[in-house]
Amino acid sequence: MRPVPSAGSIHQAVRWRTRLQLILNLNRSRVALAFAVLLAFVSLFLPLWSLGQTVGNDRAISSFSWTYVTTDGYRSGAWTGSQTLPYSSSQFSFRSVAGVLSNAYIVDLVFLVVLAVVLALYSIEYSRTMPTVSLLILSVIVVGAALFALFYPIIGIPAAATTDMGTFTIRGFWGAMSDPPADWSWGPGTGWWLVLFSVVLGVLGTILPYIKSIQAMPHAPKAARPPA
């Protein structure tokens, strides 16, 4: 006959299995957070928004970064050159857009710092025994910072661009409109897409340990019903 394991050994095995599962989940969280930090960092050097103007066979696409705008020119589909202007230049006219974008990049930087702090916390020994309430607080902070970083330019840029254009209304973060003799189009830049991916990975990487911590909590036994 096989020896019957004792209740103590079974309890110890369950504890080790629970700890191992938490460590594995934590490692997945750290990988997701590491990629989120990387994407958020790279996004700081890429444009968050672009504006295109087409007149006949000529097209100009302006890409707005943190402190400057780069305009690429095309004629009949062929690239004709580019021009970069700092926002401080007297030739630059989109002052309201520049103000919103400067704030948006600062928000992204704050989001990056928050992700880096969470990643550092999840990398130390204390994170393996972090209380569920602490994990919840971290999740709320990251989700709040992520949503602010993602939606601030979506909300702020259209009104700012409308103020700078003066001739028509920019409706939405991306779209198109005809204002003869020019056709206009606008939308998110590469940097904003990286922020989006960073938000998804950062939120997932932060809340996963919290979810697993809840699942690992012991459940209270059901109260026995008194006999009828």
Protein backbone atom coordinates (compact mmCIF):
# COMPACT_ATOMS: atom_id res chain seq x y z
CA MET A 1 0.00 0.00 0.00
CA ARG A 2 1.16 3.52 -0.77
CA PRO A 3 1.75 5.73 2.26
CA VAL A 4 -1.02 8.26 2.81
CA PRO A 5 0.39 11.81 2.91
CA SER A 6 -0.23 13.67 6.11
CA ALA A 7 -2.33 16.81 6.33
CA GLY A 8 0.80 18.84 7.15
CA SER A 9 2.67 17.69 4.04
CA ILE A 10 -0.37 18.39 1.85
CA HIS A 11 -0.68 21.87 3.32
CA GLN A 12 3.04 22.52 2.77
CA ALA A 13 2.82 21.36 -0.85
CA VAL A 14 -0.13 23.65 -1.48
CA ARG A 15 1.76 26.59 0.00
CA TRP A 16 4.83 25.96 -2.17
CA ARG A 17 2.70 25.53 -5.27
CA THR A 18 0.88 28.80 -4.53
CA ARG A 19 4.18 30.64 -4.02
CA LEU A 20 5.62 29.20 -7.23
CA GLN A 21 2.55 30.25 -9.19
CA LEU A 22 2.76 33.77 -7.78
CA ILE A 23 6.45 34.03 -8.74
CA LEU A 24 5.74 32.83 -12.28
CA ASN A 25 2.90 35.32 -12.66
CA LEU A 26 5.11 38.06 -11.24
CA ASN A 27 7.79 37.33 -13.83
CA ARG A 28 5.24 37.66 -16.62
CA SER A 29 4.17 40.96 -15.10
CA ARG A 30 7.77 42.18 -15.01
CA VAL A 31 8.28 41.29 -18.68
CA ALA A 32 5.12 43.19 -19.65
CA LEU A 33 6.16 46.17 -17.53
CA ALA A 34 9.67 46.16 -18.98
CA PHE A 35 8.30 46.35 -22.53
CA ALA A 36 5.84 49.04 -21.43
CA VAL A 37 8.69 51.13 -20.01
CA LEU A 38 10.68 50.70 -23.22
CA LEU A 39 7.78 51.73 -25.46
CA ALA A 40 6.92 54.72 -23.28
CA PHE A 41 10.55 55.85 -23.36
CA VAL A 42 10.82 55.57 -27.16
CA SER A 43 7.52 57.43 -27.60
CA LEU A 44 9.08 60.53 -26.06
CA PHE A 45 11.27 60.90 -29.17
CA LEU A 46 8.52 60.34 -31.76
CA PRO A 47 5.64 62.56 -32.93
CA LEU A 48 2.29 62.27 -31.17
CA TRP A 49 0.21 63.91 -33.90
CA SER A 50 0.43 64.70 -37.61
CA LEU A 51 -1.38 67.06 -39.96
CA GLY A 52 -1.47 66.69 -43.75
CA GLN A 53 -2.32 69.27 -46.40
CA THR A 54 -2.89 68.45 -50.08
CA VAL A 55 -3.14 71.09 -52.82
CA GLY A 56 -3.26 69.65 -56.33
CA ASN A 57 -0.28 67.31 -56.71
CA ASP A 58 1.55 68.77 -53.70
CA ARG A 59 1.22 67.30 -50.25
CA ALA A 60 2.82 68.35 -46.96
CA ILE A 61 2.73 66.24 -43.79
CA SER A 62 3.66 67.93 -40.52
CA SER A 63 4.63 65.63 -37.63
CA PHE A 64 4.51 67.27 -34.18
CA SER A 65 7.05 66.11 -31.61
CA TRP A 66 7.91 67.38 -28.14
CA THR A 67 9.79 70.57 -29.07
CA TYR A 68 9.67 70.74 -32.87
CA VAL A 69 7.65 69.95 -35.98
CA THR A 70 8.98 68.18 -39.07
CA THR A 71 7.25 68.82 -42.40
CA ASP A 72 7.80 66.40 -45.28
CA GLY A 73 6.90 67.56 -48.79
CA TYR A 74 5.66 65.36 -51.66
CA ARG A 75 4.92 66.12 -55.31
CA SER A 76 2.97 63.54 -57.30
CA GLY A 77 3.83 60.99 -54.62
CA ALA A 78 7.61 61.66 -54.73
CA TRP A 79 9.34 63.01 -51.67
CA THR A 80 10.75 66.53 -52.23
CA GLY A 81 12.40 67.21 -48.89
CA SER A 82 11.73 68.01 -45.24
CA GLN A 83 11.94 70.98 -42.93
CA THR A 84 12.25 70.99 -39.14
CA LEU A 85 11.15 73.96 -37.06
CA PRO A 86 11.43 74.32 -33.29
CA TYR A 87 8.30 75.55 -31.57
CA SER A 88 10.21 78.68 -30.59
CA SER A 89 10.71 79.66 -34.23
CA SER A 90 8.96 82.78 -35.48
CA GLN A 91 7.85 80.81 -38.58
CA PHE A 92 5.96 78.28 -36.47
CA SER A 93 2.24 79.08 -36.25
CA PHE A 94 0.65 76.20 -34.31
CA ARG A 95 1.26 77.67 -30.86
CA SER A 96 -1.80 76.15 -29.19
CA VAL A 97 -0.98 72.67 -30.52
CA ALA A 98 2.59 73.05 -29.28
CA GLY A 99 1.32 73.92 -25.80
CA VAL A 100 -0.95 70.86 -25.63
CA LEU A 101 1.79 68.58 -26.96
CA SER A 102 4.33 69.87 -24.46
CA ASN A 103 1.92 68.97 -21.66
CA ALA A 104 1.14 65.61 -23.30
CA TYR A 105 4.82 64.64 -23.38
CA ILE A 106 5.20 65.63 -19.72
CA VAL A 107 2.22 63.40 -18.89
CA ASP A 108 3.88 60.57 -20.86
CA LEU A 109 7.08 61.13 -18.90
CA VAL A 110 5.16 60.89 -15.63
CA PHE A 111 3.54 57.67 -16.87
CA LEU A 112 7.00 56.32 -17.71
CA VAL A 113 8.25 57.10 -14.20
CA VAL A 114 5.20 55.41 -12.65
CA LEU A 115 5.80 52.27 -14.73
CA ALA A 116 9.50 52.25 -13.80
CA VAL A 117 8.67 52.54 -10.09
CA VAL A 118 6.15 49.67 -10.30
CA LEU A 119 8.67 47.56 -12.20
CA ALA A 120 11.26 48.24 -9.52
CA LEU A 121 8.80 47.29 -6.77
CA TYR A 122 7.91 44.06 -8.55
CA SER A 123 11.62 43.24 -8.86
CA ILE A 124 12.42 43.26 -5.14
CA GLU A 125 11.80 40.50 -2.61
CA TYR A 126 9.04 42.44 -0.86
CA SER A 127 6.80 42.23 -3.95
CA ARG A 128 6.37 38.48 -3.45
CA THR A 129 4.60 39.11 -0.14
CA MET A 130 3.00 42.45 -1.02
CA PRO A 131 -0.48 42.78 0.50
CA THR A 132 -3.46 42.64 -1.83
CA VAL A 133 -4.46 46.18 -0.82
CA SER A 134 -1.03 47.50 -1.87
CA LEU A 135 -1.34 45.74 -5.24
CA LEU A 136 -4.78 47.31 -5.66
CA ILE A 137 -3.41 50.80 -4.93
CA LEU A 138 -0.61 50.31 -7.46
CA SER A 139 -3.12 49.11 -10.06
CA VAL A 140 -5.33 52.16 -9.54
CA ILE A 141 -2.36 54.54 -9.83
CA VAL A 142 -1.09 52.92 -13.04
CA VAL A 143 -4.54 52.78 -14.65
CA GLY A 144 -5.15 56.45 -13.83
CA ALA A 145 -1.78 57.55 -15.21
CA ALA A 146 -2.24 55.36 -18.29
CA LEU A 147 -5.67 56.73 -19.16
CA PHE A 148 -4.48 60.31 -18.64
CA ALA A 149 -1.44 59.76 -20.89
CA LEU A 150 -3.56 58.13 -23.58
CA PHE A 151 -6.55 60.47 -23.68
CA TYR A 152 -5.02 63.86 -22.89
CA PRO A 153 -3.86 64.52 -26.49
CA ILE A 154 -7.10 63.06 -27.87
CA ILE A 155 -9.10 65.61 -25.90
CA GLY A 156 -6.75 68.58 -26.05
CA ILE A 157 -5.33 68.64 -29.58
CA PRO A 158 -8.55 69.10 -31.65
CA ALA A 159 -9.53 72.31 -29.85
CA ALA A 160 -5.96 73.62 -29.97
CA ALA A 161 -5.63 72.83 -33.69
CA THR A 162 -8.98 74.53 -34.40
CA THR A 163 -7.70 77.66 -32.65
CA ASP A 164 -4.50 77.64 -34.71
CA MET A 165 -6.23 76.92 -38.04
CA GLY A 166 -8.90 79.56 -37.60
CA THR A 167 -10.73 78.72 -40.85
CA PHE A 168 -12.44 75.43 -39.94
CA THR A 169 -12.98 73.08 -37.02
CA ILE A 170 -10.75 70.09 -36.37
CA ARG A 171 -13.26 67.46 -35.30
CA GLY A 172 -11.59 64.65 -33.42
CA PHE A 173 -8.05 63.43 -32.90
CA TRP A 174 -8.05 61.97 -36.43
CA GLY A 175 -10.11 62.79 -39.50
CA ALA A 176 -10.16 64.60 -42.82
CA MET A 177 -11.81 67.69 -44.29
CA SER A 178 -11.89 69.66 -47.52
CA ASP A 179 -11.32 73.41 -47.38
CA PRO A 180 -10.74 74.45 -51.02
CA PRO A 181 -8.26 74.69 -52.50
CA ALA A 182 -6.71 72.37 -49.88
CA ASP A 183 -7.66 68.96 -48.50
CA TRP A 184 -6.68 68.32 -44.92
CA SER A 185 -6.16 65.14 -42.94
CA TRP A 186 -4.86 64.50 -39.44
CA GLY A 187 -4.29 61.67 -37.02
CA PRO A 188 -2.09 60.14 -34.33
CA GLY A 189 1.63 59.92 -34.85
CA THR A 190 3.91 56.96 -34.21
CA GLY A 191 4.56 58.12 -30.67
CA TRP A 192 0.89 57.95 -29.72
CA TRP A 193 0.60 54.36 -30.99
CA LEU A 194 3.59 53.40 -28.85
CA VAL A 195 1.90 55.04 -25.87
CA LEU A 196 -1.20 52.95 -26.60
CA PHE A 197 0.78 49.70 -26.63
CA SER A 198 2.65 50.82 -23.50
CA VAL A 199 -0.65 51.49 -21.73
CA VAL A 200 -1.98 48.03 -22.57
CA LEU A 201 1.19 46.25 -21.42
CA GLY A 202 1.64 48.45 -18.37
CA VAL A 203 -1.91 47.97 -17.13
CA LEU A 204 -1.80 44.21 -17.72
CA GLY A 205 1.59 43.88 -16.06
CA THR A 206 0.40 45.81 -13.01
CA ILE A 207 -2.99 44.23 -12.38
CA LEU A 208 -1.98 40.62 -13.04
CA PRO A 209 -0.30 40.15 -9.61
CA TYR A 210 -3.34 41.77 -7.97
CA ILE A 211 -5.74 39.38 -9.72
CA LYS A 212 -3.60 36.38 -8.85
CA SER A 213 -3.29 37.59 -5.27
CA ILE A 214 -7.08 37.61 -4.98
CA GLN A 215 -7.30 34.14 -6.49
CA ALA A 216 -4.70 32.84 -4.05
CA MET A 217 -6.56 34.14 -0.99
CA PRO A 218 -8.05 31.36 1.15
CA HIS A 219 -11.81 31.09 0.89
CA ALA A 220 -13.87 31.01 4.07
CA PRO A 221 -15.58 27.67 4.59
CA LYS A 222 -19.30 27.60 4.09
CA ALA A 223 -21.30 27.62 7.27
CA ALA A 224 -22.98 24.31 7.98
CA ARG A 225 -26.75 24.41 7.84
CA PRO A 226 -28.51 23.32 11.01
CA PRO A 227 -30.49 20.11 10.64
CA ALA A 228 -34.14 20.62 9.78
